[in-house]
C-alpha atoms as a PDB file:
ATOM      1  CA  MET A   1     155.417 101.275 124.750  1.00  0.00           C
ATOM      2  CA  GLU A   2     152.938  98.632 125.940  1.00  0.00           C
ATOM      3  CA  ILE A   3     150.849  99.377 129.006  1.00  0.00           C
ATOM      4  CA  SER A   4     149.286  96.542 130.992  1.00  0.00           C
ATOM      5  CA  LEU A   5     146.206  97.615 132.908  1.00  0.00           C
ATOM      6  CA  ARG A   6     146.351  94.409 134.936  1.00  0.00           C
ATOM      7  CA  ASN A   7     149.821  95.203 136.226  1.00  0.00           C
ATOM      8  CA  SER A   8     149.297  98.910 136.695  1.00  0.00           C
ATOM      9  CA  ARG A   9     149.653 100.134 140.263  1.00  0.00           C
ATOM     10  CA  LYS A  10     146.506 102.235 139.955  1.00  0.00           C
ATOM     11  CA  SER A  11     143.203 100.557 139.207  1.00  0.00           C
ATOM     12  CA  VAL A  12     140.978 101.617 136.332  1.00  0.00           C
ATOM     13  CA  SER A  13     138.593 103.122 138.907  1.00  0.00           C
ATOM     14  CA  HIS A  14     141.188 105.862 139.457  1.00  0.00           C
ATOM     15  CA  TYR A  15     140.662 107.081 135.913  1.00  0.00           C
ATOM     16  CA  PRO A  16     137.072 108.429 135.671  1.00  0.00           C
ATOM     17  CA  VAL A  17     137.475 109.473 132.060  1.00  0.00           C
ATOM     18  CA  PHE A  18     138.700 106.014 131.093  1.00  0.00           C
ATOM     19  CA  ARG A  19     135.796 104.409 132.971  1.00  0.00           C
ATOM     20  CA  SER A  20     133.257 106.618 131.208  1.00  0.00           C
ATOM     21  CA  LEU A  21     134.687 105.785 127.801  1.00  0.00           C
ATOM     22  CA  LEU A  22     134.671 102.091 128.666  1.00  0.00           C
ATOM     23  CA  ILE A  23     131.001 102.201 129.712  1.00  0.00           C
ATOM     24  CA  ILE A  24     130.050 104.064 126.551  1.00  0.00           C
ATOM     25  CA  ALA A  25     131.895 101.484 124.439  1.00  0.00           C
ATOM     26  CA  ILE A  26     130.121  98.590 126.171  1.00  0.00           C
ATOM     27  CA  VAL A  27     126.683 100.166 125.807  1.00  0.00           C
ATOM     28  CA  ALA A  28     127.359 100.924 122.156  1.00  0.00           C
ATOM     29  CA  VAL A  29     127.773  97.240 121.277  1.00  0.00           C
ATOM     30  CA  LEU A  30     124.714  96.050 123.201  1.00  0.00           C
ATOM     31  CA  PRO A  31     121.697  95.212 121.028  1.00  0.00           C
ATOM     32  CA  VAL A  32     118.997  97.895 121.053  1.00  0.00           C
ATOM     33  CA  ARG A  33     115.417  96.633 120.992  1.00  0.00           C
ATOM     34  CA  ALA A  34     113.233  98.741 118.757  1.00  0.00           C
ATOM     35  CA  GLY A  35     109.911  99.900 120.139  1.00  0.00           C
ATOM     36  CA  ILE A  36     106.612  98.945 118.550  1.00  0.00           C
ATOM     37  CA  LEU A  37     105.921 102.503 117.422  1.00  0.00           C
ATOM     38  CA  ASP A  38     109.244 102.571 115.563  1.00  0.00           C
ATOM     39  CA  ASP A  39     107.479 100.492 112.900  1.00  0.00           C
ATOM     40  CA  LEU A  40     105.265 103.435 112.022  1.00  0.00           C
ATOM     41  CA  SER A  41     105.582 106.780 110.333  1.00  0.00           C
ATOM     42  CA  ALA A  42     105.527 109.797 112.637  1.00  0.00           C
ATOM     43  CA  GLU A  43     101.986 110.559 111.481  1.00  0.00           C
ATOM     44  CA  ASP A  44     100.666 107.067 112.194  1.00  0.00           C
ATOM     45  CA  ALA A  45     102.476 106.898 115.543  1.00  0.00           C
ATOM     46  CA  LYS A  46     100.770 110.151 116.510  1.00  0.00           C
ATOM     47  CA  LYS A  47      97.379 108.633 115.662  1.00  0.00           C
ATOM     48  CA  VAL A  48      98.075 105.603 117.836  1.00  0.00           C
ATOM     49  CA  LEU A  49      99.163 107.796 120.747  1.00  0.00           C
ATOM     50  CA  ALA A  50      95.901 109.713 120.344  1.00  0.00           C
ATOM     51  CA  GLY A  51      93.998 106.487 121.028  1.00  0.00           C
ATOM     52  CA  ASN A  52      93.141 105.415 117.482  1.00  0.00           C
ATOM     53  CA  GLN A  53      93.571 102.030 115.868  1.00  0.00           C
ATOM     54  CA  VAL A  54      96.083 102.159 113.017  1.00  0.00           C
ATOM     55  CA  ILE A  55      96.293  99.373 110.456  1.00  0.00           C
ATOM     56  CA  VAL A  56      99.246  98.801 108.146  1.00  0.00           C
ATOM     57  CA  GLY A  57      99.196  96.236 105.339  1.00  0.00           C
ATOM     58  CA  GLU A  58     102.166  94.646 103.584  1.00  0.00           C
ATOM     59  CA  ASP A  59     101.679  92.758 100.320  1.00  0.00           C
ATOM     60  CA  LEU A  60     103.700  89.547 100.095  1.00  0.00           C
ATOM     61  CA  GLU A  61     104.360  87.432  97.026  1.00  0.00           C
ATOM     62  CA  GLY A  62     102.249  84.307  96.967  1.00  0.00           C
ATOM     63  CA  TYR A  63      99.640  85.610  99.404  1.00  0.00           C
ATOM     64  CA  PRO A  64      96.270  86.953  98.209  1.00  0.00           C
ATOM     65  CA  TRP A  65      95.890  88.899 101.435  1.00  0.00           C
ATOM     66  CA  PRO A  66      98.501  91.271 102.884  1.00  0.00           C
ATOM     67  CA  ARG A  67     100.229  90.795 106.211  1.00  0.00           C
ATOM     68  CA  VAL A  68      98.243  93.105 108.462  1.00  0.00           C
ATOM     69  CA  ARG A  69      99.490  94.857 111.591  1.00  0.00           C
ATOM     70  CA  LEU A  70      97.121  96.678 113.913  1.00  0.00           C
ATOM     71  CA  TYR A  71      98.379  99.102 116.565  1.00  0.00           C
ATOM     72  CA  GLN A  72      96.504 100.426 119.589  1.00  0.00           C
ATOM     73  CA  THR A  73      97.224 101.834 123.033  1.00  0.00           C
ATOM     74  CA  VAL A  74      95.625 100.610 126.253  1.00  0.00           C
ATOM     75  CA  LYS A  75      95.634 101.968 129.793  1.00  0.00           C
ATOM     76  CA  ALA A  76      97.028  98.801 131.340  1.00  0.00           C
ATOM     77  CA  THR A  77     100.396  97.138 131.817  1.00  0.00           C
ATOM     78  CA  PRO A  78     101.720  94.498 129.378  1.00  0.00           C
ATOM     79  CA  ARG A  79     101.237  91.960 132.170  1.00  0.00           C
ATOM     80  CA  GLU A  80      97.544  92.863 132.540  1.00  0.00           C
ATOM     81  CA  VAL A  81      96.894  92.796 128.804  1.00  0.00           C
ATOM     82  CA  MET A  82      98.655  89.500 128.278  1.00  0.00           C
ATOM     83  CA  ALA A  83      96.946  87.934 131.301  1.00  0.00           C
ATOM     84  CA  ILE A  84      93.608  88.424 129.539  1.00  0.00           C
ATOM     85  CA  PHE A  85      94.834  87.222 126.151  1.00  0.00           C
ATOM     86  CA  PHE A  86      96.619  84.222 127.687  1.00  0.00           C
ATOM     87  CA  ASP A  87      93.315  83.093 129.246  1.00  0.00           C
ATOM     88  CA  TYR A  88      92.486  81.246 126.019  1.00  0.00           C
ATOM     89  CA  ASN A  89      89.511  79.297 127.345  1.00  0.00           C
ATOM     90  CA  ASN A  90      87.736  82.538 128.158  1.00  0.00           C
ATOM     91  CA  ALA A  91      88.131  84.234 124.756  1.00  0.00           C
ATOM     92  CA  LYS A  92      84.721  83.016 123.624  1.00  0.00           C
ATOM     93  CA  SER A  93      83.092  85.105 126.344  1.00  0.00           C
ATOM     94  CA  PHE A  94      84.218  88.453 124.935  1.00  0.00           C
ATOM     95  CA  VAL A  95      85.628  88.093 121.390  1.00  0.00           C
ATOM     96  CA  PRO A  96      82.898  88.857 118.815  1.00  0.00           C
ATOM     97  CA  ASN A  97      81.665  85.880 116.770  1.00  0.00           C
ATOM     98  CA  CYS A  98      83.861  83.453 118.691  1.00  0.00           C
ATOM     99  CA  GLU A  99      81.710  80.465 119.612  1.00  0.00           C
ATOM    100  CA  LYS A 100      84.466  78.215 120.923  1.00  0.00           C
ATOM    101  CA  SER A 101      87.915  78.718 122.461  1.00  0.00           C
ATOM    102  CA  GLU A 102      89.341  75.694 124.206  1.00  0.00           C
ATOM    103  CA  ILE A 103      92.858  74.555 125.054  1.00  0.00           C
ATOM    104  CA  SER A 104      93.142  71.113 123.468  1.00  0.00           C
ATOM    105  CA  ARG A 105      96.803  70.435 124.191  1.00  0.00           C
ATOM    106  CA  LYS A 106      99.345  71.836 126.643  1.00  0.00           C
ATOM    107  CA  ILE A 107     102.878  71.392 125.345  1.00  0.00           C
ATOM    108  CA  ASP A 108     104.491  73.306 128.210  1.00  0.00           C
ATOM    109  CA  GLU A 109     103.578  76.176 130.525  1.00  0.00           C
ATOM    110  CA  ARG A 110     104.012  78.731 127.756  1.00  0.00           C
ATOM    111  CA  THR A 111     102.891  76.771 124.711  1.00  0.00           C
ATOM    112  CA  HIS A 112      99.318  75.668 124.080  1.00  0.00           C
ATOM    113  CA  GLU A 113      97.237  74.431 121.196  1.00  0.00           C
ATOM    114  CA  VAL A 114      93.824  76.065 121.160  1.00  0.00           C
ATOM    115  CA  ASP A 115      90.700  75.102 119.214  1.00  0.00           C
ATOM    116  CA  TYR A 116      88.556  77.977 117.971  1.00  0.00           C
ATOM    117  CA  LEU A 117      85.221  78.189 116.188  1.00  0.00           C
ATOM    118  CA  VAL A 118      84.304  81.539 114.632  1.00  0.00           C
ATOM    119  CA  ASN A 119      80.936  82.420 113.166  1.00  0.00           C
ATOM    120  CA  ILE A 120      81.270  84.087 109.756  1.00  0.00           C
ATOM    121  CA  PRO A 121      78.174  85.844 108.352  1.00  0.00           C
ATOM    122  CA  ILE A 122      76.847  84.250 105.132  1.00  0.00           C
ATOM    123  CA  PHE A 123      79.732  81.737 105.007  1.00  0.00           C
ATOM    124  CA  PRO A 124      80.141  78.486 106.973  1.00  0.00           C
ATOM    125  CA  ASP A 125      81.723  78.748 110.418  1.00  0.00           C
ATOM    126  CA  GLU A 126      85.513  78.591 110.546  1.00  0.00           C
ATOM    127  CA  ALA A 127      87.049  75.966 112.828  1.00  0.00           C
ATOM    128  CA  TYR A 128      90.797  76.043 113.385  1.00  0.00           C
ATOM    129  CA  THR A 129      93.521  74.995 115.806  1.00  0.00           C
ATOM    130  CA  VAL A 130      96.331  77.387 116.700  1.00  0.00           C
ATOM    131  CA  ARG A 131      99.611  76.811 118.506  1.00  0.00           C
ATOM    132  CA  ASN A 132     100.287  79.792 120.779  1.00  0.00           C
ATOM    133  CA  LYS A 133     103.665  80.422 122.411  1.00  0.00           C
ATOM    134  CA  LEU A 134     104.175  83.007 125.162  1.00  0.00           C
ATOM    135  CA  SER A 135     107.483  84.833 125.681  1.00  0.00           C
ATOM    136  CA  GLY A 136     108.966  88.075 126.974  1.00  0.00           C
ATOM    137  CA  ASP A 137     109.578  90.080 130.126  1.00  0.00           C
ATOM    138  CA  PRO A 138     107.459  92.482 132.235  1.00  0.00           C
ATOM    139  CA  SER A 139     108.049  95.436 129.899  1.00  0.00           C
ATOM    140  CA  ARG A 140     107.372  93.550 126.658  1.00  0.00           C
ATOM    141  CA  LEU A 141     105.326  90.366 126.327  1.00  0.00           C
ATOM    142  CA  SER A 142     104.271  88.489 123.232  1.00  0.00           C
ATOM    143  CA  VAL A 143     102.372  85.454 122.003  1.00  0.00           C
ATOM    144  CA  GLN A 144     103.294  84.015 118.627  1.00  0.00           C
ATOM    145  CA  TRP A 145     100.828  81.756 116.864  1.00  0.00           C
ATOM    146  CA  LYS A 146     100.586  79.451 113.893  1.00  0.00           C
ATOM    147  CA  VAL A 147      97.483  77.745 112.536  1.00  0.00           C
ATOM    148  CA  LEU A 148      97.967  73.959 112.483  1.00  0.00           C
ATOM    149  CA  ARG A 149      94.712  73.010 110.769  1.00  0.00           C
ATOM    150  CA  ALA A 150      91.592  74.861 109.670  1.00  0.00           C
ATOM    151  CA  THR A 151      88.389  74.620 107.679  1.00  0.00           C
ATOM    152  CA  SER A 152      89.255  77.132 104.963  1.00  0.00           C
ATOM    153  CA  ILE A 153      92.684  78.512 105.896  1.00  0.00           C
ATOM    154  CA  GLU A 154      95.654  77.091 104.043  1.00  0.00           C
ATOM    155  CA  GLU A 155      98.223  78.943 106.146  1.00  0.00           C
ATOM    156  CA  SER A 156      98.225  81.548 108.905  1.00  0.00           C
ATOM    157  CA  GLU A 157     100.623  82.953 111.475  1.00  0.00           C
ATOM    158  CA  GLY A 158     100.976  86.074 113.572  1.00  0.00           C
ATOM    159  CA  ASP A 159     101.575  87.484 117.011  1.00  0.00           C
ATOM    160  CA  LEU A 160     100.441  89.853 119.689  1.00  0.00           C
ATOM    161  CA  VAL A 161     103.170  92.059 121.154  1.00  0.00           C
ATOM    162  CA  VAL A 162     102.454  94.320 124.133  1.00  0.00           C
ATOM    163  CA  GLU A 163     105.013  96.897 125.209  1.00  0.00           C
ATOM    164  CA  ALA A 164     105.076  99.295 128.155  1.00  0.00           C
ATOM    165  CA  LEU A 165     104.421 102.890 127.156  1.00  0.00           C
ATOM    166  CA  GLY A 166     104.191 105.593 129.833  1.00  0.00           C
ATOM    167  CA  ASP A 167     101.581 104.536 132.385  1.00  0.00           C
ATOM    168  CA  GLY A 168     100.006 102.099 129.926  1.00  0.00           C
ATOM    169  CA  SER A 169     100.944  99.980 126.936  1.00  0.00           C
ATOM    170  CA  VAL A 170     100.914  99.869 123.167  1.00  0.00           C
ATOM    171  CA  LEU A 171     100.066  96.653 121.373  1.00  0.00           C
ATOM    172  CA  ARG A 172     100.708  95.341 117.890  1.00  0.00           C
ATOM    173  CA  TYR A 173      98.511  92.563 116.560  1.00  0.00           C
ATOM    174  CA  THR A 174      99.922  90.916 113.417  1.00  0.00           C
ATOM    175  CA  ASN A 175      98.222  88.383 111.178  1.00  0.00           C
ATOM    176  CA  LEU A 176      99.146  86.788 107.869  1.00  0.00           C
ATOM    177  CA  VAL A 177      96.520  84.540 106.318  1.00  0.00           C
ATOM    178  CA  LYS A 178      96.543  82.488 103.151  1.00  0.00           C
ATOM    179  CA  PRO A 179      92.951  81.359 102.601  1.00  0.00           C
ATOM    180  CA  SER A 180      92.159  78.206 100.676  1.00  0.00           C
ATOM    181  CA  SER A 181      88.607  79.279  99.953  1.00  0.00           C
ATOM    182  CA  LYS A 182      87.660  80.402  96.455  1.00  0.00           C
ATOM    183  CA  ALA A 183      85.782  83.244  98.137  1.00  0.00           C
ATOM    184  CA  ALA A 184      89.028  84.817  99.339  1.00  0.00           C
ATOM    185  CA  GLY A 185      88.128  88.157  97.800  1.00  0.00           C
ATOM    186  CA  LEU A 186      84.830  88.336  99.664  1.00  0.00           C
ATOM    187  CA  LEU A 187      86.265  87.084 102.947  1.00  0.00           C
ATOM    188  CA  LYS A 188      89.106  89.611 103.005  1.00  0.00           C
ATOM    189  CA  GLY A 189      86.948  92.466 104.282  1.00  0.00           C
ATOM    190  CA  ILE A 190      85.241  90.216 106.822  1.00  0.00           C
ATOM    191  CA  ALA A 191      88.586  88.974 108.141  1.00  0.00           C
ATOM    192  CA  LEU A 192      89.915  92.516 108.526  1.00  0.00           C
ATOM    193  CA  GLY A 193      86.771  93.584 110.353  1.00  0.00           C
ATOM    194  CA  GLN A 194      87.057  90.578 112.689  1.00  0.00           C
ATOM    195  CA  MET A 195      90.663  91.498 113.458  1.00  0.00           C
ATOM    196  CA  LYS A 196      89.735  95.080 114.376  1.00  0.00           C
ATOM    197  CA  GLU A 197      86.848  93.904 116.551  1.00  0.00           C
ATOM    198  CA  THR A 198      89.033  91.279 118.247  1.00  0.00           C
ATOM    199  CA  VAL A 199      91.695  93.796 119.281  1.00  0.00           C
ATOM    200  CA  LYS A 200      89.070  96.227 120.520  1.00  0.00           C
ATOM    201  CA  ALA A 201      87.397  93.421 122.481  1.00  0.00           C
ATOM    202  CA  ILE A 202      90.708  92.466 124.113  1.00  0.00           C
ATOM    203  CA  VAL A 203      91.340  96.073 125.169  1.00  0.00           C
ATOM    204  CA  ASP A 204      87.782  96.457 126.470  1.00  0.00           C
ATOM    205  CA  GLN A 205      88.000  93.173 128.402  1.00  0.00           C
ATOM    206  CA  VAL A 206      91.260  94.271 130.019  1.00  0.00           C
ATOM    207  CA  MET A 207      89.594  97.439 131.289  1.00  0.00           C
ATOM    208  CA  VAL A 208      86.609  95.477 132.611  1.00  0.00           C
ATOM    209  CA  ALA A 209      88.881  92.954 134.321  1.00  0.00           C
ATOM    210  CA  LYS A 210      90.945  95.710 135.938  1.00  0.00           C
ATOM    211  CA  LYS A 211      87.795  96.894 137.704  1.00  0.00           C
ATOM    212  CA  SER A 212      86.288  93.513 138.552  1.00  0.00           C
ATOM    213  CA  GLY A 213      89.519  91.733 139.428  1.00  0.00           C
ATOM    214  CA  MET A 214      91.909  89.609 137.410  1.00  0.00           C
ATOM    215  CA  GLU A 215      94.041  87.803 139.982  1.00  0.00           C
ATOM    216  CA  PRO A 216      93.410  84.282 138.585  1.00  0.00           C
ATOM    217  CA  GLN A 217      94.511  85.374 135.111  1.00  0.00           C
ATOM    218  CA  LEU A 218      97.576  87.193 136.462  1.00  0.00           C
ATOM    219  CA  GLU A 219      98.586  84.183 138.548  1.00  0.00           C
ATOM    220  CA  ARG A 220      98.232  81.881 135.532  1.00  0.00           C
ATOM    221  CA  LEU A 221     100.411  84.194 133.439  1.00  0.00           C
ATOM    222  CA  ASP A 222     103.050  84.574 136.154  1.00  0.00           C
ATOM    223  CA  LYS A 223     103.237  80.803 136.562  1.00  0.00           C
ATOM    224  CA  ALA A 224     103.793  80.350 132.841  1.00  0.00           C
ATOM    225  CA  LEU A 225     106.547  82.967 132.877  1.00  0.00           C
ATOM    226  CA  GLY A 226     108.188  81.295 135.866  1.00  0.00           C
ATOM    227  CA  ARG A 227     107.619  84.160 138.269  1.00  0.00           C
ATOM    228  CA  LYS A 228     105.805  82.048 140.848  1.00  0.00           C
END
């Protein structure tokens, strides 16, 4: 016997059990977005939640350096964290060894090309241009980047993802670099140290800006995301 719900005298709303099963079925097929901490082992996730930086490396064929992911919590919203990171022209004022950070091309509100100059001890300074692209929603924001040209980097890409966690956020900073320099072995440790210092500097700057005021940065971010 075939039953047509459309022609039934009683609506589906009269069958609470049927409605519940229908809702469960719909939710079950919706995509579930994994959280940042799902990347980690239970032990490493516990370290991050305790306020420590956790670094995970992944060796890839054809790359002398591993893809590196750094995780850290911060007592600020994703919007606040990303507002500071998205203020590219100001990075040189708080990122260690960064002597230049300047937007050289604006492709659209969310996509910018940024010129950087980083001082590297012993070695010549590294100049490079990165294309950064902002995306996301209030609970999870990200910037993906790709190096377009550089002094001694053959290839590089990565991202910063910031996700709401309790009354703060957790961030994941990812970088994959293929250096062209013959001194790749020596530069590896320096690059990793710069990455750790950069993430710490971003977190520290967010906390400073929360106290001193960050309305211009928040307005710039909101405009790029189309919220104003």
